[in-house]
């Protein structure tokens, strides 16, 4: 009998978590795992008590024609990674792994280019999470060493 890899086991759980997401563009699910124990889960959706995009019937960023990957401060949603981090204690997250899965909300297709935005990367770094495992296909994934995000400083524009 072939057993599923640990990475795909946890990615499958994160993929189930994303079924609670409420974004009209892209839905994400995240789980934080340490020592083979799930510490917390998160999906993207509006803050508690506020209307979700699916309930309003429109996406603010889409209505404003904001390109994908830009102006996240206009988004109603708290991202999956941030929700998972909010729900956990930092002492439990230090050295942990975050598993992330994204899907296109309209088609249900897995996002082969899913990754954390610059704001979530900063939160992952500060939470002390060591690795992020991102689903690319139903069985393929990419493992990111968070130390690479620390050194990259990709969210700081170069001064001209």
Protein backbone atom coordinates (compact mmCIF):
# COMPACT_ATOMS: atom_id res chain seq x y z
CA UNK A 1 0.00 0.00 0.00
CA UNK A 2 1.35 3.43 -0.96
CA UNK A 3 0.93 6.00 1.78
CA UNK A 4 0.36 9.64 1.05
CA UNK A 5 3.33 11.84 1.95
CA UNK A 6 3.10 13.93 5.13
CA UNK A 7 3.25 17.07 2.99
CA UNK A 8 0.26 16.02 0.88
CA UNK A 9 -1.61 14.83 3.98
CA UNK A 10 -1.36 18.30 5.52
CA UNK A 11 -1.96 20.02 2.17
CA UNK A 12 -5.16 17.99 1.79
CA UNK A 13 -6.30 19.27 5.18
CA UNK A 14 -5.47 22.86 4.16
CA UNK A 15 -7.42 22.27 0.96
CA UNK A 16 -10.44 21.25 3.01
CA UNK A 17 -10.03 24.37 5.16
CA UNK A 18 -10.23 26.60 2.06
CA UNK A 19 -13.78 25.38 1.49
CA UNK A 20 -14.78 27.92 4.20
CA UNK A 21 -13.19 30.86 2.34
CA UNK A 22 -15.45 33.65 1.14
CA UNK A 23 -13.44 35.47 -1.53
CA UNK A 24 -14.90 35.73 -5.03
CA UNK A 25 -11.48 35.71 -6.73
CA UNK A 26 -9.20 33.24 -4.99
CA UNK A 27 -9.76 31.03 -1.98
CA UNK A 28 -6.95 29.91 0.30
CA UNK A 29 -6.59 27.50 3.18
CA UNK A 30 -3.67 27.37 5.59
CA UNK A 31 -2.70 25.18 8.51
CA UNK A 32 0.21 25.51 10.90
CA UNK A 33 1.81 22.25 12.02
CA UNK A 34 4.52 21.58 14.58
CA UNK A 35 5.77 18.17 15.66
CA UNK A 36 3.01 16.51 13.60
CA UNK A 37 0.33 18.41 15.49
CA UNK A 38 -2.00 20.93 13.87
CA UNK A 39 -1.62 24.17 15.79
CA UNK A 40 -4.23 26.23 13.91
CA UNK A 41 -6.08 26.68 10.64
CA UNK A 42 -7.13 29.69 8.60
CA UNK A 43 -8.96 30.64 5.43
CA UNK A 44 -9.49 33.97 3.73
CA UNK A 45 -12.62 35.90 4.64
CA UNK A 46 -13.87 39.19 6.04
CA UNK A 47 -13.20 40.02 9.70
CA UNK A 48 -15.72 38.61 12.15
CA UNK A 49 -19.01 40.49 12.04
CA UNK A 50 -18.34 42.13 8.66
CA UNK A 51 -19.99 41.08 5.42
CA UNK A 52 -18.06 38.71 3.19
CA UNK A 53 -17.64 39.35 -0.51
CA UNK A 54 -19.77 36.29 -1.29
CA UNK A 55 -22.58 37.79 0.80
CA UNK A 56 -22.25 41.22 -0.84
CA UNK A 57 -22.04 39.70 -4.31
CA UNK A 58 -18.98 41.66 -5.40
CA UNK A 59 -15.27 42.08 -4.83
CA UNK A 60 -14.19 45.62 -3.99
CA UNK A 61 -10.78 45.24 -5.65
CA UNK A 62 -12.36 43.76 -8.76
CA UNK A 63 -14.99 46.53 -8.89
CA UNK A 64 -12.12 49.06 -8.75
CA UNK A 65 -10.26 47.08 -11.46
CA UNK A 66 -7.23 46.54 -9.21
CA UNK A 67 -4.81 44.07 -10.85
CA UNK A 68 -4.13 40.78 -9.07
CA UNK A 69 -1.35 41.09 -6.53
CA UNK A 70 -1.80 44.81 -5.93
CA UNK A 71 -3.48 47.02 -3.30
CA UNK A 72 -4.30 44.27 -0.80
CA UNK A 73 -5.26 46.94 1.73
CA UNK A 74 -8.49 47.39 -0.29
CA UNK A 75 -9.42 43.73 0.16
CA UNK A 76 -12.15 42.93 2.70
CA UNK A 77 -10.56 39.62 3.59
CA UNK A 78 -8.08 38.62 6.22
CA UNK A 79 -5.75 36.21 4.42
CA UNK A 80 -5.59 32.51 5.30
CA UNK A 81 -2.04 32.70 6.65
CA UNK A 82 -2.91 35.70 8.83
CA UNK A 83 -6.02 33.97 10.22
CA UNK A 84 -3.99 30.86 11.06
CA UNK A 85 -1.34 32.99 12.78
CA UNK A 86 -3.96 35.00 14.71
CA UNK A 87 -5.40 31.74 16.06
CA UNK A 88 -2.11 30.39 17.40
CA UNK A 89 0.37 31.21 20.13
CA UNK A 90 3.81 32.36 18.94
CA UNK A 91 5.53 29.85 21.21
CA UNK A 92 3.67 27.10 19.32
CA UNK A 93 4.58 28.53 15.91
CA UNK A 94 8.34 28.95 16.37
CA UNK A 95 9.94 26.35 14.11
CA UNK A 96 6.57 25.23 12.69
CA UNK A 97 5.51 24.65 9.09
CA UNK A 98 2.66 26.45 7.38
CA UNK A 99 0.84 24.52 4.63
CA UNK A 100 -0.92 26.66 2.00
CA UNK A 101 -3.36 25.78 -0.77
CA UNK A 102 -5.10 28.16 -3.17
CA UNK A 103 -7.86 27.72 -5.72
CA UNK A 104 -9.51 29.95 -8.28
CA UNK A 105 -12.89 30.76 -6.69
CA UNK A 106 -14.73 30.70 -10.02
CA UNK A 107 -13.31 27.54 -11.58
CA UNK A 108 -12.24 25.56 -8.52
CA UNK A 109 -8.86 24.93 -10.21
CA UNK A 110 -5.78 24.68 -7.99
CA UNK A 111 -3.52 27.71 -8.24
CA UNK A 112 -0.13 26.58 -9.50
CA UNK A 113 1.25 30.00 -8.57
CA UNK A 114 -0.16 30.30 -5.03
CA UNK A 115 2.14 32.05 -2.59
CA UNK A 116 1.98 34.38 0.38
CA UNK A 117 1.66 38.10 -0.29
CA UNK A 118 4.27 40.49 1.12
CA UNK A 119 2.11 41.33 4.16
CA UNK A 120 1.56 37.66 5.02
CA UNK A 121 5.26 36.92 4.51
CA UNK A 122 6.10 39.50 7.16
CA UNK A 123 3.61 37.89 9.55
CA UNK A 124 4.99 34.40 8.84
CA UNK A 125 8.50 35.68 9.56
CA UNK A 126 7.48 37.34 12.83
CA UNK A 127 5.51 34.28 13.93
CA UNK A 128 8.74 32.27 13.82
CA UNK A 129 7.44 29.80 11.24
CA UNK A 130 10.37 27.97 9.64
CA UNK A 131 8.90 26.58 6.40
CA UNK A 132 5.96 27.14 4.09
CA UNK A 133 4.76 24.25 1.93
CA UNK A 134 2.67 25.39 -1.04
CA UNK A 135 0.54 23.05 -3.16
CA UNK A 136 1.23 23.36 -6.90
CA UNK A 137 -0.80 20.41 -8.21
CA UNK A 138 -2.81 17.64 -6.58
CA UNK A 139 0.44 15.87 -5.63
CA UNK A 140 3.25 18.38 -6.24
CA UNK A 141 4.31 21.08 -3.83
CA UNK A 142 7.06 23.60 -3.18
CA UNK A 143 8.81 23.98 0.17
CA UNK A 144 10.01 27.48 1.02
CA UNK A 145 12.56 28.13 3.73
CA UNK A 146 11.24 31.27 5.47
CA UNK A 147 14.86 32.39 5.97
CA UNK A 148 14.89 32.96 2.19
CA UNK A 149 12.04 35.47 2.59
CA UNK A 150 13.98 37.26 5.32
CA UNK A 151 17.00 37.70 3.08
CA UNK A 152 15.06 38.56 -0.05
CA UNK A 153 13.43 41.76 1.20
CA UNK A 154 11.21 41.48 -1.87
CA UNK A 155 8.57 43.79 -0.48
CA UNK A 156 10.88 46.81 -0.25
CA UNK A 157 11.04 48.88 -3.44
CA UNK A 158 14.51 49.84 -4.62
CA UNK A 159 15.38 53.49 -4.20
CA UNK A 160 16.17 55.15 -7.50
